[in-house]
């Protein structure tokens, strides 16, 4: 398990309520005012009534000054990596260095929708190969010192003009669950961002071990790779399972994940309401921070 060495960040994965797609802008502003560190948006262009993730991110960047922005996570089969590189570089300039890029390879239940949008249908192995190529393509296009060349099975560049960054760096986070994807995190990514409904706390240790082993094999320090977690919280649950119950209980569970599993970024999952966002920011976050930093 990686030592706890990264600053502890809290934030939200914002979702627009049905029929009110621009509510995410108001929620993002509230997240910043509430003292949260990160706002993120999912990227599911095939769902009904969804606006474009990156255009919304641009609007959020203009409406905020401090909070970091994360795409959580880009749907690679519908987002060519050269386009991702250039859009991300633009957001880096607009946000003054506050944007990070999360990427996913494409989840198995979503391939029919991806194909309906004109994307390819890839096998599990092909999707991991494509993601690995995409990371190389994106980083080569961010190098301001040379034209970019790359020749892969899925993506190619030939003397492509670079897209320089304002900040000099954008971190790449991967949404990953299976062994090959976790190995890719260890070899190439800056961060790992699973969701609690798909990767339980009991699964985190084994996943961390796979990431760490791949990092060491690639000559990287395992603790340099940040670990995030999209967390599904229920303050009003009658049951008392993981992240269910009063704020102090939830804060204790998040602190334990940070200290025992190296989770340094907790993102409240699918936030549609200002009330839930405020309760998390005001009642959970300060208590969790104190438990981690003070004990």
Foldseek 3Di string as FASTA:
>chain_A
DFAQDDAFFEAAAADADPPGQLVVLVLLLLRVVLPGAEYEYEADVLDPPHDGRLVSLLSSLQNDQGHAYEHPAHAPQVQPLVNVLQSQQVSLVSNVNRYAYEYELDDPVCQVSSVVVVGDRDDPVVSLQSVLQSLQQNVQLQPQPFFDFDDDPNDTDDRHHHRHHSVRDHFYEYADDDLSNLLSLLQRGQEYEYECVRAPLVNLVVSLVSSCVSNVVNVHHSNSRAYAYAYEADCPDPDDDQNYHHQLVNLVNVLCCCRPRVHRYYYHYHDHDSVVSSCCSPRRVVNNVCSNPVD
